[in-house]
């Protein structure tokens, strides 16, 4: 039986659009050498292709770790978090719950880039929620609350703790 965090392919495609939009806002904070930057641009292009139905989940699942590796090449903690936001957006092809991970890592990137502006995270979350379509909201509502289902990224791991968990809880409360 599939995890409740997986969602249908149609819902994952819809959420990939929103997750990518969240990640792209944070990617302005990413800096690395030209080869890694080119790989990051390719992940953006491929995630957009998946979202629009121009590639399959199977094609994207095998390539989702490119952005994870890019996080290791980032020159700042904020840039690493931005790359992780993109990795989560790319992983939506695998499991829909990763869309919330993309939003959470984007908020983390903003918090790391602007430690003197605590309101920056709230501004980011507000933007993220405002840019959800009704279809995307409905797909996100199908997901279990962060920390309540161990069968996926919303389990008891990284996405349930710290700023990542706080961001996801806030998004989930605003869309319910």
Protein backbone atom coordinates (compact mmCIF):
# COMPACT_ATOMS: atom_id res chain seq x y z
CA UNK A 1 0.00 0.00 0.00
CA UNK A 2 1.31 3.45 -0.93
CA UNK A 3 1.97 6.04 1.75
CA UNK A 4 -0.61 8.76 2.32
CA UNK A 5 2.24 11.13 1.60
CA UNK A 6 2.65 9.95 -2.00
CA UNK A 7 -0.50 11.40 -3.65
CA UNK A 8 -1.63 10.75 -7.21
CA UNK A 9 0.59 11.61 -10.15
CA UNK A 10 -1.82 14.41 -11.09
CA UNK A 11 -1.62 15.92 -7.59
CA UNK A 12 2.18 15.57 -7.56
CA UNK A 13 2.43 17.40 -10.88
CA UNK A 14 0.29 20.24 -9.52
CA UNK A 15 2.33 20.46 -6.33
CA UNK A 16 5.62 20.37 -8.26
CA UNK A 17 4.68 23.73 -9.78
CA UNK A 18 4.17 25.35 -6.36
CA UNK A 19 7.20 23.64 -4.80
CA UNK A 20 9.39 24.86 -7.65
CA UNK A 21 8.04 28.41 -7.29
CA UNK A 22 8.97 28.33 -3.59
CA UNK A 23 12.44 26.95 -4.34
CA UNK A 24 13.13 29.42 -7.15
CA UNK A 25 12.49 32.35 -4.80
CA UNK A 26 15.27 31.01 -2.57
CA UNK A 27 17.65 30.11 -5.40
CA UNK A 28 18.76 33.74 -5.69
CA UNK A 29 20.74 32.88 -2.52
CA UNK A 30 22.55 29.94 -4.16
CA UNK A 31 26.10 30.38 -5.38
CA UNK A 32 28.50 27.70 -6.56
CA UNK A 33 30.89 27.03 -9.44
CA UNK A 34 29.59 27.16 -13.00
CA UNK A 35 29.25 23.39 -13.41
CA UNK A 36 27.10 23.04 -10.29
CA UNK A 37 25.06 26.12 -11.22
CA UNK A 38 24.36 24.53 -14.62
CA UNK A 39 23.18 21.33 -12.89
CA UNK A 40 20.88 23.38 -10.67
CA UNK A 41 19.38 25.12 -13.73
CA UNK A 42 18.83 21.67 -15.28
CA UNK A 43 16.96 20.51 -12.16
CA UNK A 44 14.72 23.59 -12.42
CA UNK A 45 14.02 22.84 -16.09
CA UNK A 46 13.31 19.16 -15.42
CA UNK A 47 11.05 19.87 -12.44
CA UNK A 48 9.10 22.34 -14.56
CA UNK A 49 8.84 19.68 -17.30
CA UNK A 50 7.47 17.14 -14.83
CA UNK A 51 4.97 19.68 -13.51
CA UNK A 52 3.67 20.40 -17.00
CA UNK A 53 3.43 16.72 -18.01
CA UNK A 54 6.46 16.72 -20.31
CA UNK A 55 8.34 14.03 -18.39
CA UNK A 56 7.43 11.09 -16.18
CA UNK A 57 7.86 10.50 -12.48
CA UNK A 58 10.23 7.62 -13.27
CA UNK A 59 12.48 9.91 -15.32
CA UNK A 60 12.62 12.51 -12.57
CA UNK A 61 12.99 10.17 -9.59
CA UNK A 62 16.35 8.94 -10.85
CA UNK A 63 17.68 12.52 -11.08
CA UNK A 64 16.38 14.04 -7.86
CA UNK A 65 19.69 13.81 -6.00
CA UNK A 66 21.49 16.28 -8.29
CA UNK A 67 20.22 19.22 -6.23
CA UNK A 68 21.08 17.41 -3.00
CA UNK A 69 24.69 17.23 -4.17
CA UNK A 70 24.53 20.90 -5.15
CA UNK A 71 23.76 21.79 -1.53
CA UNK A 72 27.20 20.50 -0.62
CA UNK A 73 28.78 22.82 -3.17
CA UNK A 74 26.96 25.94 -1.98
CA UNK A 75 29.16 28.73 -0.66
CA UNK A 76 26.80 29.78 2.17
CA UNK A 77 24.37 28.05 4.56
CA UNK A 78 21.51 30.02 2.96
CA UNK A 79 22.58 28.78 -0.47
CA UNK A 80 22.74 25.20 0.80
CA UNK A 81 19.18 25.51 2.15
CA UNK A 82 18.06 26.95 -1.21
CA UNK A 83 19.57 23.95 -3.01
CA UNK A 84 17.77 21.64 -0.57
CA UNK A 85 14.52 23.48 -1.36
CA UNK A 86 15.10 22.66 -5.02
CA UNK A 87 15.95 19.04 -4.17
CA UNK A 88 12.65 18.76 -2.31
CA UNK A 89 10.79 20.31 -5.27
CA UNK A 90 12.39 17.78 -7.63
CA UNK A 91 11.46 14.95 -5.24
CA UNK A 92 7.76 15.80 -5.53
CA UNK A 93 7.76 13.48 -8.57
CA UNK A 94 8.47 10.70 -6.07
CA UNK A 95 6.26 11.77 -3.17
CA UNK A 96 3.91 14.73 -2.94
CA UNK A 97 4.82 15.53 0.66
CA UNK A 98 8.18 16.84 -0.56
CA UNK A 99 6.32 19.98 -1.72
CA UNK A 100 6.07 21.05 1.92
CA UNK A 101 9.77 20.30 2.29
CA UNK A 102 10.53 22.65 -0.60
CA UNK A 103 8.56 25.44 1.06
CA UNK A 104 10.19 24.78 4.43
CA UNK A 105 13.74 24.80 3.07
CA UNK A 106 12.99 28.00 1.14
CA UNK A 107 11.87 29.62 4.41
CA UNK A 108 15.02 28.31 6.11
CA UNK A 109 17.17 29.82 3.36
CA UNK A 110 15.48 33.17 3.89
CA UNK A 111 15.99 32.96 7.66
CA UNK A 112 19.69 32.18 7.20
CA UNK A 113 20.14 35.01 4.72
CA UNK A 114 18.34 37.53 6.93
CA UNK A 115 19.05 36.71 10.59
CA UNK A 116 18.39 40.35 11.48
CA UNK A 117 14.86 40.17 10.02
CA UNK A 118 12.79 37.60 11.94
CA UNK A 119 9.72 38.72 9.98
CA UNK A 120 11.34 37.47 6.75
CA UNK A 121 10.19 33.91 7.43
CA UNK A 122 6.62 35.05 8.06
CA UNK A 123 6.74 37.06 4.83
CA UNK A 124 7.96 33.98 2.97
CA UNK A 125 5.25 31.73 4.40
CA UNK A 126 2.62 34.34 3.58
CA UNK A 127 3.88 34.47 -0.03
CA UNK A 128 3.94 30.67 -0.28
CA UNK A 129 0.37 30.25 0.95
CA UNK A 130 -0.89 33.11 -1.21
CA UNK A 131 0.58 31.45 -4.31
CA UNK A 132 -1.18 28.13 -3.86
CA UNK A 133 -3.93 27.40 -6.35
CA UNK A 134 -7.11 25.84 -4.98
CA UNK A 135 -6.11 22.54 -6.60
CA UNK A 136 -2.71 22.65 -4.87
CA UNK A 137 -4.36 23.50 -1.54
CA UNK A 138 -6.67 20.51 -1.95
CA UNK A 139 -3.71 18.24 -2.69
CA UNK A 140 -1.81 19.50 0.36
CA UNK A 141 -4.89 18.94 2.55
CA UNK A 142 -4.68 15.23 1.72
CA UNK A 143 -1.31 14.98 3.45
CA UNK A 144 -1.04 13.94 7.10
CA UNK A 145 0.08 16.50 9.66
CA UNK A 146 3.84 16.76 9.90
CA UNK A 147 5.17 14.30 12.47
CA UNK A 148 2.06 12.09 12.46
CA UNK A 149 2.90 9.53 9.73
CA UNK A 150 6.30 7.87 9.67
CA UNK A 151 5.95 6.52 6.13
CA UNK A 152 7.51 9.47 4.34
CA UNK A 153 9.23 12.85 4.55
CA UNK A 154 6.63 14.28 6.94
CA UNK A 155 7.52 11.66 9.58
CA UNK A 156 9.72 12.27 12.58
CA UNK A 157 12.81 13.30 10.60
CA UNK A 158 14.33 16.63 9.62
CA UNK A 159 11.14 18.08 8.18
CA UNK A 160 9.35 17.77 11.52
CA UNK A 161 11.89 19.72 13.59
CA UNK A 162 13.20 23.26 13.93
CA UNK A 163 12.32 25.90 11.40
CA UNK A 164 11.42 23.23 8.83
CA UNK A 165 8.77 21.68 11.09
CA UNK A 166 7.51 25.07 12.25
CA UNK A 167 7.12 26.24 8.65
CA UNK A 168 5.27 23.11 7.58
CA UNK A 169 2.96 23.25 10.60
CA UNK A 170 2.19 26.89 9.82
CA UNK A 171 1.43 26.16 6.16
CA UNK A 172 -0.75 23.19 7.10
CA UNK A 173 -2.70 25.29 9.63
CA UNK A 174 -3.29 28.06 7.09
CA UNK A 175 -4.68 25.76 4.40
CA UNK A 176 -6.94 23.61 6.57
